[in-house]
Amino acid sequence: MFEAMNANRYARQSLIREIEKVTSTTLICYVVADLQIERTDVVAMVDLLHNITPGTPIDLLLNSPGGDIDAAEKLILLIRKRAGSAPVRVIVPDYAKSAATLIALGANTIVMSDTSELGAIDPQVDLADSNGHLQTLSAQSYLDAFHLHADRLKEDPNDPVARLMLSKMEPATVRKLERMTKRSRSIAEALLGQSMIKDTDQAAEIAKNLSDTDKWHSHGQMISHETARGLGLDITYLAPHDDLWARYWRLFSLQLWSANGKVKLFESDWASIPIS
């Protein structure tokens, strides 16, 4: 009865072992549709890493819309710590957005195909509008608007529009968003500099471009494998018909179906941890 109840999990873990035989690399997975990366995810990641011998090459199959940037940083640093000097690859079957893109930046290379997408790393924040309703805004766009109206007020202290708009912007909020934006970019630079991009100026330029709200017209805009490579990221492209990619895609599809939008699924060849 237990085997029958867990047949789907056993099938996924069998596929993980098949992939590991092809790549000669330990594969761990973090798959979620809509839920956010949180600090509590660290506990599940520690469990996945527990049985991996230090210094082992690690592949992370990642699907996530993003979330807490500090949690994302800790997750990839834990993986890198366990891998040591061995390479880490992040495989993105569908999307790794925002804070999940930060995780990918900590890899030696990012494995992508035609369906894969990364995203901008400018922080998003929930702020109340004039009616007290929360709305999700780009921190950088908020700061850009603040500086625009501040500059206009310097030019014309009586500018009614600038005075009105600035009266709705809290100085404490501006400072908070400035720190968030700086923090996101500094995490990106540091993660890139660990393995993928050794040139500090190049790492800083990539982090700047990924944070540029003028370059990305929406936070969810797709950054394809071609665009990611054009930014300077180390991208390993696998065609959709590639046998290894087909295995990755099958595994991801099975995991996404199992998660059903309600749980985060942490999985390896020996552990399967759903977190709601």
C-alpha atoms as a PDB file:
ATOM      1  CA  MET A   1       0.000   0.000   0.000  1.00  0.00           C
ATOM      2  CA  PHE A   2       2.794   2.457   0.924  1.00  0.00           C
ATOM      3  CA  GLU A   3       4.521   1.830  -2.406  1.00  0.00           C
ATOM      4  CA  ALA A   4       1.297   2.449  -4.310  1.00  0.00           C
ATOM      5  CA  MET A   5       0.606   5.661  -2.395  1.00  0.00           C
ATOM      6  CA  ASN A   6       4.101   6.952  -3.194  1.00  0.00           C
ATOM      7  CA  ALA A   7       4.412   5.619  -6.749  1.00  0.00           C
ATOM      8  CA  ASN A   8       4.604   9.087  -8.313  1.00  0.00           C
ATOM      9  CA  ARG A   9       7.437  10.138  -6.009  1.00  0.00           C
ATOM     10  CA  TYR A  10       9.340   6.924  -6.692  1.00  0.00           C
ATOM     11  CA  ALA A  11       8.961   7.500 -10.443  1.00  0.00           C
ATOM     12  CA  ARG A  12      10.370  11.038 -10.156  1.00  0.00           C
ATOM     13  CA  GLN A  13      13.280   9.878  -8.028  1.00  0.00           C
ATOM     14  CA  SER A  14      14.028   7.094 -10.492  1.00  0.00           C
ATOM     15  CA  LEU A  15      14.201   9.738 -13.216  1.00  0.00           C
ATOM     16  CA  ILE A  16      16.540  11.830 -11.054  1.00  0.00           C
ATOM     17  CA  ARG A  17      18.868   8.828 -10.783  1.00  0.00           C
ATOM     18  CA  GLU A  18      18.730   8.342 -14.569  1.00  0.00           C
ATOM     19  CA  ILE A  19      19.755  11.965 -15.094  1.00  0.00           C
ATOM     20  CA  GLU A  20      22.554  11.669 -12.551  1.00  0.00           C
ATOM     21  CA  LYS A  21      23.982   8.688 -14.456  1.00  0.00           C
ATOM     22  CA  VAL A  22      24.052  10.766 -17.648  1.00  0.00           C
ATOM     23  CA  THR A  23      25.598  13.875 -16.068  1.00  0.00           C
ATOM     24  CA  SER A  24      27.741  12.223 -13.358  1.00  0.00           C
ATOM     25  CA  THR A  25      26.480  15.018 -11.105  1.00  0.00           C
ATOM     26  CA  THR A  26      24.240  15.038  -8.038  1.00  0.00           C
ATOM     27  CA  LEU A  27      20.850  16.572  -8.874  1.00  0.00           C
ATOM     28  CA  ILE A  28      18.664  18.407  -6.369  1.00  0.00           C
ATOM     29  CA  CYS A  29      15.415  20.165  -7.209  1.00  0.00           C
ATOM     30  CA  TYR A  30      13.455  23.157  -5.934  1.00  0.00           C
ATOM     31  CA  VAL A  31      10.200  23.457  -7.864  1.00  0.00           C
ATOM     32  CA  VAL A  32       7.330  25.820  -7.105  1.00  0.00           C
ATOM     33  CA  ALA A  33       4.731  27.527  -9.280  1.00  0.00           C
ATOM     34  CA  ASP A  34       3.547  30.610  -7.394  1.00  0.00           C
ATOM     35  CA  LEU A  35       4.742  30.507  -3.784  1.00  0.00           C
ATOM     36  CA  GLN A  36       7.560  32.785  -2.671  1.00  0.00           C
ATOM     37  CA  ILE A  37      11.106  31.940  -1.575  1.00  0.00           C
ATOM     38  CA  GLU A  38      11.178  32.255   2.228  1.00  0.00           C
ATOM     39  CA  ARG A  39      13.642  31.810   5.075  1.00  0.00           C
ATOM     40  CA  THR A  40      11.931  28.565   6.102  1.00  0.00           C
ATOM     41  CA  ASP A  41      12.991  27.037   2.759  1.00  0.00           C
ATOM     42  CA  VAL A  42      16.507  26.829   4.154  1.00  0.00           C
ATOM     43  CA  VAL A  43      15.517  23.912   6.413  1.00  0.00           C
ATOM     44  CA  ALA A  44      14.375  21.801   3.458  1.00  0.00           C
ATOM     45  CA  MET A  45      17.494  22.688   1.469  1.00  0.00           C
ATOM     46  CA  VAL A  46      19.712  21.599   4.364  1.00  0.00           C
ATOM     47  CA  ASP A  47      17.935  18.229   4.318  1.00  0.00           C
ATOM     48  CA  LEU A  48      18.590  17.843   0.570  1.00  0.00           C
ATOM     49  CA  LEU A  49      22.269  18.646   1.036  1.00  0.00           C
ATOM     50  CA  HIS A  50      22.744  16.460   4.113  1.00  0.00           C
ATOM     51  CA  ASN A  51      23.723  13.241   2.298  1.00  0.00           C
ATOM     52  CA  ILE A  52      25.868  14.928  -0.366  1.00  0.00           C
ATOM     53  CA  THR A  53      29.595  14.438   0.123  1.00  0.00           C
ATOM     54  CA  PRO A  54      31.403  17.794   0.449  1.00  0.00           C
ATOM     55  CA  GLY A  55      33.236  18.687  -2.751  1.00  0.00           C
ATOM     56  CA  THR A  56      30.659  16.990  -4.991  1.00  0.00           C
ATOM     57  CA  PRO A  57      29.480  18.729  -8.202  1.00  0.00           C
ATOM     58  CA  ILE A  58      25.836  19.766  -7.772  1.00  0.00           C
ATOM     59  CA  ASP A  59      23.058  20.505 -10.250  1.00  0.00           C
ATOM     60  CA  LEU A  60      20.029  22.476  -9.028  1.00  0.00           C
ATOM     61  CA  LEU A  61      16.839  22.219 -11.058  1.00  0.00           C
ATOM     62  CA  LEU A  62      15.066  25.468 -10.200  1.00  0.00           C
ATOM     63  CA  ASN A  63      11.610  26.848 -10.886  1.00  0.00           C
ATOM     64  CA  SER A  64      10.416  29.823  -8.817  1.00  0.00           C
ATOM     65  CA  PRO A  65       8.812  33.263  -9.253  1.00  0.00           C
ATOM     66  CA  GLY A  66      11.174  34.767  -6.635  1.00  0.00           C
ATOM     67  CA  GLY A  67      10.737  36.015  -3.088  1.00  0.00           C
ATOM     68  CA  ASP A  68      13.022  36.949  -0.190  1.00  0.00           C
ATOM     69  CA  ILE A  69      16.434  37.970  -1.578  1.00  0.00           C
ATOM     70  CA  ASP A  70      18.228  37.195   1.690  1.00  0.00           C
ATOM     71  CA  ALA A  71      16.760  33.684   1.734  1.00  0.00           C
ATOM     72  CA  ALA A  72      17.740  33.233  -1.915  1.00  0.00           C
ATOM     73  CA  GLU A  73      21.305  34.250  -1.135  1.00  0.00           C
ATOM     74  CA  LYS A  74      21.492  31.778   1.743  1.00  0.00           C
ATOM     75  CA  LEU A  75      20.122  28.913  -0.366  1.00  0.00           C
ATOM     76  CA  ILE A  76      22.729  29.251  -3.110  1.00  0.00           C
ATOM     77  CA  LEU A  77      25.535  29.854  -0.610  1.00  0.00           C
ATOM     78  CA  LEU A  78      24.606  26.607   1.176  1.00  0.00           C
ATOM     79  CA  ILE A  79      24.785  24.752  -2.129  1.00  0.00           C
ATOM     80  CA  ARG A  80      28.120  26.333  -3.024  1.00  0.00           C
ATOM     81  CA  LYS A  81      29.493  25.539   0.429  1.00  0.00           C
ATOM     82  CA  ARG A  82      28.627  21.857   0.020  1.00  0.00           C
ATOM     83  CA  ALA A  83      30.060  21.748  -3.517  1.00  0.00           C
ATOM     84  CA  GLY A  84      33.272  23.461  -2.416  1.00  0.00           C
ATOM     85  CA  SER A  85      35.505  23.988  -5.444  1.00  0.00           C
ATOM     86  CA  ALA A  86      33.361  21.622  -7.559  1.00  0.00           C
ATOM     87  CA  PRO A  87      31.062  23.202 -10.162  1.00  0.00           C
ATOM     88  CA  VAL A  88      27.440  24.140  -9.514  1.00  0.00           C
ATOM     89  CA  ARG A  89      24.940  24.332 -12.361  1.00  0.00           C
ATOM     90  CA  VAL A  90      21.431  25.765 -12.170  1.00  0.00           C
ATOM     91  CA  ILE A  91      18.944  24.258 -14.631  1.00  0.00           C
ATOM     92  CA  VAL A  92      15.965  26.475 -15.476  1.00  0.00           C
ATOM     93  CA  PRO A  93      13.287  24.461 -17.317  1.00  0.00           C
ATOM     94  CA  ASP A  94      10.650  27.219 -17.236  1.00  0.00           C
ATOM     95  CA  TYR A  95      11.363  30.296 -15.103  1.00  0.00           C
ATOM     96  CA  ALA A  96      13.605  31.525 -12.298  1.00  0.00           C
ATOM     97  CA  LYS A  97      12.521  35.100 -11.671  1.00  0.00           C
ATOM     98  CA  SER A  98      13.653  37.914  -9.398  1.00  0.00           C
ATOM     99  CA  ALA A  99      15.215  36.369  -6.264  1.00  0.00           C
ATOM    100  CA  ALA A 100      15.370  33.016  -8.080  1.00  0.00           C
ATOM    101  CA  THR A 101      17.490  34.721 -10.744  1.00  0.00           C
ATOM    102  CA  LEU A 102      19.842  35.698  -7.920  1.00  0.00           C
ATOM    103  CA  ILE A 103      20.151  32.002  -7.047  1.00  0.00           C
ATOM    104  CA  ALA A 104      21.047  31.246 -10.669  1.00  0.00           C
ATOM    105  CA  LEU A 105      23.735  33.955 -10.658  1.00  0.00           C
ATOM    106  CA  GLY A 106      25.597  31.958  -8.008  1.00  0.00           C
ATOM    107  CA  ALA A 107      26.151  29.027 -10.380  1.00  0.00           C
ATOM    108  CA  ASN A 108      29.154  28.362 -12.595  1.00  0.00           C
ATOM    109  CA  THR A 109      26.768  28.124 -15.523  1.00  0.00           C
ATOM    110  CA  ILE A 110      23.003  28.342 -16.088  1.00  0.00           C
ATOM    111  CA  VAL A 111      21.447  25.600 -18.221  1.00  0.00           C
ATOM    112  CA  MET A 112      18.630  26.966 -20.394  1.00  0.00           C
ATOM    113  CA  SER A 113      16.544  26.051 -23.428  1.00  0.00           C
ATOM    114  CA  ASP A 114      13.869  27.778 -25.494  1.00  0.00           C
ATOM    115  CA  THR A 115      11.314  27.608 -22.668  1.00  0.00           C
ATOM    116  CA  SER A 116      13.692  28.986 -20.034  1.00  0.00           C
ATOM    117  CA  GLU A 117      13.585  32.496 -18.671  1.00  0.00           C
ATOM    118  CA  LEU A 118      15.308  34.574 -16.041  1.00  0.00           C
ATOM    119  CA  GLY A 119      14.053  37.930 -14.763  1.00  0.00           C
ATOM    120  CA  ALA A 120      15.036  41.368 -13.560  1.00  0.00           C
ATOM    121  CA  ILE A 121      16.364  41.564 -10.001  1.00  0.00           C
ATOM    122  CA  ASP A 122      15.019  44.980  -8.990  1.00  0.00           C
ATOM    123  CA  PRO A 123      13.218  44.442  -5.648  1.00  0.00           C
ATOM    124  CA  GLN A 124       9.426  44.517  -5.500  1.00  0.00           C
ATOM    125  CA  VAL A 125       7.640  45.970  -2.492  1.00  0.00           C
ATOM    126  CA  ASP A 126       4.037  46.134  -1.269  1.00  0.00           C
ATOM    127  CA  LEU A 127       3.024  49.738  -0.537  1.00  0.00           C
ATOM    128  CA  ALA A 128      -0.350  51.235   0.329  1.00  0.00           C
ATOM    129  CA  ASP A 129      -1.987  53.509  -2.237  1.00  0.00           C
ATOM    130  CA  SER A 130      -3.994  56.637  -1.390  1.00  0.00           C
ATOM    131  CA  ASN A 131      -6.960  54.437  -0.437  1.00  0.00           C
ATOM    132  CA  GLY A 132      -4.906  52.215   1.835  1.00  0.00           C
ATOM    133  CA  HIS A 133      -4.903  49.271  -0.558  1.00  0.00           C
ATOM    134  CA  LEU A 134      -1.637  47.388  -0.953  1.00  0.00           C
ATOM    135  CA  GLN A 135      -0.075  47.370  -4.391  1.00  0.00           C
ATOM    136  CA  THR A 136       3.140  45.721  -5.543  1.00  0.00           C
ATOM    137  CA  LEU A 137       5.589  48.247  -6.971  1.00  0.00           C
ATOM    138  CA  SER A 138       9.130  48.213  -8.269  1.00  0.00           C
ATOM    139  CA  ALA A 139      11.394  49.776  -5.635  1.00  0.00           C
ATOM    140  CA  GLN A 140      13.527  51.362  -8.358  1.00  0.00           C
ATOM    141  CA  SER A 141      10.509  52.814 -10.183  1.00  0.00           C
ATOM    142  CA  TYR A 142       9.317  54.366  -6.909  1.00  0.00           C
ATOM    143  CA  LEU A 143      12.763  55.877  -6.347  1.00  0.00           C
ATOM    144  CA  ASP A 144      12.921  57.123  -9.938  1.00  0.00           C
ATOM    145  CA  ALA A 145       9.583  58.900  -9.444  1.00  0.00           C
ATOM    146  CA  PHE A 146      10.784  60.402  -6.158  1.00  0.00           C
ATOM    147  CA  HIS A 147      13.973  61.788  -7.691  1.00  0.00           C
ATOM    148  CA  LEU A 148      12.087  63.076 -10.735  1.00  0.00           C
ATOM    149  CA  HIS A 149       9.691  65.144  -8.616  1.00  0.00           C
ATOM    150  CA  ALA A 150      12.481  66.209  -6.238  1.00  0.00           C
ATOM    151  CA  ASP A 151      14.482  67.560  -9.182  1.00  0.00           C
ATOM    152  CA  ARG A 152      11.440  69.391 -10.530  1.00  0.00           C
ATOM    153  CA  LEU A 153      10.839  70.953  -7.136  1.00  0.00           C
ATOM    154  CA  LYS A 154      14.443  72.172  -7.060  1.00  0.00           C
ATOM    155  CA  GLU A 155      13.891  73.836 -10.429  1.00  0.00           C
ATOM    156  CA  ASP A 156      10.550  75.290  -9.400  1.00  0.00           C
ATOM    157  CA  PRO A 157       9.741  75.277  -5.648  1.00  0.00           C
ATOM    158  CA  ASN A 158       6.127  76.125  -6.507  1.00  0.00           C
ATOM    159  CA  ASP A 159       5.561  73.246  -8.929  1.00  0.00           C
ATOM    160  CA  PRO A 160       2.142  71.979  -7.724  1.00  0.00           C
ATOM    161  CA  VAL A 161       2.462  68.484  -9.205  1.00  0.00           C
ATOM    162  CA  ALA A 162       5.904  67.893  -7.698  1.00  0.00           C
ATOM    163  CA  ARG A 163       4.763  69.180  -4.303  1.00  0.00           C
ATOM    164  CA  LEU A 164       1.674  66.959  -4.368  1.00  0.00           C
ATOM    165  CA  MET A 165       3.549  63.827  -5.399  1.00  0.00           C
ATOM    166  CA  LEU A 166       6.350  64.309  -2.875  1.00  0.00           C
ATOM    167  CA  SER A 167       3.817  64.848  -0.104  1.00  0.00           C
ATOM    168  CA  LYS A 168       2.659  61.264  -0.694  1.00  0.00           C
ATOM    169  CA  MET A 169       6.164  59.792  -0.427  1.00  0.00           C
ATOM    170  CA  GLU A 170       7.539  59.008   3.017  1.00  0.00           C
ATOM    171  CA  PRO A 171      11.273  59.748   3.505  1.00  0.00           C
ATOM    172  CA  ALA A 172      11.590  56.558   5.561  1.00  0.00           C
ATOM    173  CA  THR A 173      10.125  54.550   2.680  1.00  0.00           C
ATOM    174  CA  VAL A 174      12.557  56.145   0.239  1.00  0.00           C
ATOM    175  CA  ARG A 175      15.515  55.234   2.442  1.00  0.00           C
ATOM    176  CA  LYS A 176      14.214  51.681   2.892  1.00  0.00           C
ATOM    177  CA  LEU A 177      13.830  51.184  -0.853  1.00  0.00           C
ATOM    178  CA  GLU A 178      17.277  52.623  -1.531  1.00  0.00           C
ATOM    179  CA  ARG A 179      18.760  50.068   0.858  1.00  0.00           C
ATOM    180  CA  MET A 180      16.753  47.233  -0.728  1.00  0.00           C
ATOM    181  CA  THR A 181      17.887  48.170  -4.225  1.00  0.00           C
ATOM    182  CA  LYS A 182      21.508  48.473  -3.167  1.00  0.00           C
ATOM    183  CA  ARG A 183      21.295  45.153  -1.320  1.00  0.00           C
ATOM    184  CA  SER A 184      19.877  43.285  -4.322  1.00  0.00           C
ATOM    185  CA  ARG A 185      22.583  44.590  -6.620  1.00  0.00           C
ATOM    186  CA  SER A 186      25.367  43.844  -4.132  1.00  0.00           C
ATOM    187  CA  ILE A 187      24.116  40.248  -3.715  1.00  0.00           C
ATOM    188  CA  ALA A 188      24.124  39.819  -7.492  1.00  0.00           C
ATOM    189  CA  GLU A 189      27.666  41.167  -7.806  1.00  0.00           C
ATOM    190  CA  ALA A 190      28.969  38.963  -4.997  1.00  0.00           C
ATOM    191  CA  LEU A 191      27.313  35.795  -6.316  1.00  0.00           C
ATOM    192  CA  LEU A 192      28.523  36.409  -9.862  1.00  0.00           C
ATOM    193  CA  GLY A 193      32.033  37.036  -8.591  1.00  0.00           C
ATOM    194  CA  GLN A 194      32.219  33.701  -6.766  1.00  0.00           C
ATOM    195  CA  SER A 195      32.405  31.531  -9.874  1.00  0.00           C
ATOM    196  CA  MET A 196      30.710  32.718 -13.051  1.00  0.00           C
ATOM    197  CA  ILE A 197      32.292  36.155 -13.558  1.00  0.00           C
ATOM    198  CA  LYS A 198      35.747  36.763 -12.130  1.00  0.00           C
ATOM    199  CA  ASP A 199      36.066  40.323 -13.448  1.00  0.00           C
ATOM    200  CA  THR A 200      34.563  42.602 -10.760  1.00  0.00           C
ATOM    201  CA  ASP A 201      33.731  45.383 -13.216  1.00  0.00           C
ATOM    202  CA  GLN A 202      31.902  42.953 -15.487  1.00  0.00           C
ATOM    203  CA  ALA A 203      29.996  41.479 -12.534  1.00  0.00           C
ATOM    204  CA  ALA A 204      28.962  44.981 -11.452  1.00  0.00           C
ATOM    205  CA  GLU A 205      27.814  45.819 -14.987  1.00  0.00           C
ATOM    206  CA  ILE A 206      25.708  42.662 -15.247  1.00  0.00           C
ATOM    207  CA  ALA A 207      24.118  43.336 -11.841  1.00  0.00           C
ATOM    208  CA  LYS A 208      23.381  46.909 -12.914  1.00  0.00           C
ATOM    209  CA  ASN A 209      21.777  45.771 -16.168  1.00  0.00           C
ATOM    210  CA  LEU A 210      19.623  43.175 -14.411  1.00  0.00           C
ATOM    211  CA  SER A 211      18.378  45.928 -12.069  1.00  0.00           C
ATOM    212  CA  ASP A 212      17.715  48.493 -14.811  1.00  0.00           C
ATOM    213  CA  THR A 213      13.994  49.291 -14.944  1.00  0.00           C
ATOM    214  CA  ASP A 214      14.530  51.217 -18.187  1.00  0.00           C
ATOM    215  CA  LYS A 215      15.846  48.057 -19.844  1.00  0.00           C
ATOM    216  CA  TRP A 216      13.077  45.772 -18.556  1.00  0.00           C
ATOM    217  CA  HIS A 217       9.628  47.277 -19.050  1.00  0.00           C
ATOM    218  CA  SER A 218       8.038  44.960 -16.498  1.00  0.00           C
ATOM    219  CA  HIS A 219       9.415  42.929 -13.613  1.00  0.00           C
ATOM    220  CA  GLY A 220       8.093  39.766 -15.233  1.00  0.00           C
ATOM    221  CA  GLN A 221       9.662  40.422 -18.637  1.00  0.00           C
ATOM    222  CA  MET A 222      11.317  37.334 -20.085  1.00  0.00           C
ATOM    223  CA  ILE A 223      15.109  37.196 -20.211  1.00  0.00           C
ATOM    224  CA  SER A 224      15.761  34.376 -22.673  1.00  0.00           C
ATOM    225  CA  HIS A 225      18.936  32.351 -23.028  1.00  0.00           C
ATOM    226  CA  GLU A 226      20.016  34.609 -25.911  1.00  0.00           C
ATOM    227  CA  THR A 227      19.452  37.780 -23.896  1.00  0.00           C
ATOM    228  CA  ALA A 228      21.102  36.300 -20.809  1.00  0.00           C
ATOM    229  CA  ARG A 229      24.202  35.382 -22.815  1.00  0.00           C
ATOM    230  CA  GLY A 230      24.201  38.866 -24.326  1.00  0.00           C
ATOM    231  CA  LEU A 231      24.320  40.330 -20.818  1.00  0.00           C
ATOM    232  CA  GLY A 232      27.511  38.360 -20.183  1.00  0.00           C
ATOM    233  CA  LEU A 233      26.129  35.403 -18.221  1.00  0.00           C
ATOM    234  CA  ASP A 234      27.583  31.924 -18.720  1.00  0.00           C
ATOM    235  CA  ILE A 235      24.740  30.040 -20.401  1.00  0.00           C
ATOM    236  CA  THR A 236      24.734  26.383 -21.415  1.00  0.00           C
ATOM    237  CA  TYR A 237      22.072  25.992 -24.097  1.00  0.00           C
ATOM    238  CA  LEU A 238      20.316  22.674 -24.656  1.00  0.00           C
ATOM    239  CA  ALA A 239      17.941  22.372 -27.607  1.00  0.00           C
ATOM    240  CA  PRO A 240      14.376  21.205 -26.860  1.00  0.00           C
ATOM    241  CA  HIS A 241      14.996  17.899 -28.675  1.00  0.00           C
ATOM    242  CA  ASP A 242      18.233  17.231 -26.762  1.00  0.00           C
ATOM    243  CA  ASP A 243      17.907  13.943 -24.862  1.00  0.00           C
ATOM    244  CA  LEU A 244      19.173  15.388 -21.568  1.00  0.00           C
ATOM    245  CA  TRP A 245      16.887  18.407 -21.825  1.00  0.00           C
ATOM    246  CA  ALA A 246      13.934  16.115 -22.538  1.00  0.00           C
ATOM    247  CA  ARG A 247      14.683  14.308 -19.268  1.00  0.00           C
ATOM    248  CA  TYR A 248      14.926  17.586 -17.355  1.00  0.00           C
ATOM    249  CA  TRP A 249      11.626  18.732 -18.838  1.00  0.00           C
ATOM    250  CA  ARG A 250       9.860  15.470 -18.039  1.00  0.00           C
ATOM    251  CA  LEU A 251      11.095  15.581 -14.446  1.00  0.00           C
ATOM    252  CA  PHE A 252      10.065  19.216 -14.057  1.00  0.00           C
ATOM    253  CA  SER A 253       6.598  18.541 -15.502  1.00  0.00           C
ATOM    254  CA  LEU A 254       6.033  15.655 -13.101  1.00  0.00           C
ATOM    255  CA  GLN A 255       7.206  17.746 -10.147  1.00  0.00           C
ATOM    256  CA  LEU A 256       5.118  20.764 -11.114  1.00  0.00           C
ATOM    257  CA  TRP A 257       2.035  18.590 -11.458  1.00  0.00           C
ATOM    258  CA  SER A 258       2.722  17.068  -8.050  1.00  0.00           C
ATOM    259  CA  ALA A 259       3.196  20.495  -6.443  1.00  0.00           C
ATOM    260  CA  ASN A 260      -0.116  21.588  -7.999  1.00  0.00           C
ATOM    261  CA  GLY A 261       0.547  25.239  -7.178  1.00  0.00           C
ATOM    262  CA  LYS A 262       0.017  24.558  -3.476  1.00  0.00           C
ATOM    263  CA  VAL A 263       3.420  23.399  -2.253  1.00  0.00           C
ATOM    264  CA  LYS A 264       7.125  23.931  -2.774  1.00  0.00           C
ATOM    265  CA  LEU A 265       8.768  20.663  -3.716  1.00  0.00           C
ATOM    266  CA  PHE A 266      12.345  19.979  -2.612  1.00  0.00           C
ATOM    267  CA  GLU A 267      13.507  16.708  -4.114  1.00  0.00           C
ATOM    268  CA  SER A 268      16.576  14.545  -4.656  1.00  0.00           C
ATOM    269  CA  ASP A 269      17.179  10.877  -5.367  1.00  0.00           C
ATOM    270  CA  TRP A 270      16.658  10.067  -1.688  1.00  0.00           C
ATOM    271  CA  ALA A 271      14.462  12.843  -0.233  1.00  0.00           C
ATOM    272  CA  SER A 272      11.149  14.407  -1.234  1.00  0.00           C
ATOM    273  CA  ILE A 273       9.989  17.332   0.892  1.00  0.00           C
ATOM    274  CA  PRO A 274       6.748  19.182   0.064  1.00  0.00           C
ATOM    275  CA  ILE A 275       6.284  22.464   1.955  1.00  0.00           C
ATOM    276  CA  SER A 276       3.030  24.434   1.832  1.00  0.00           C
END
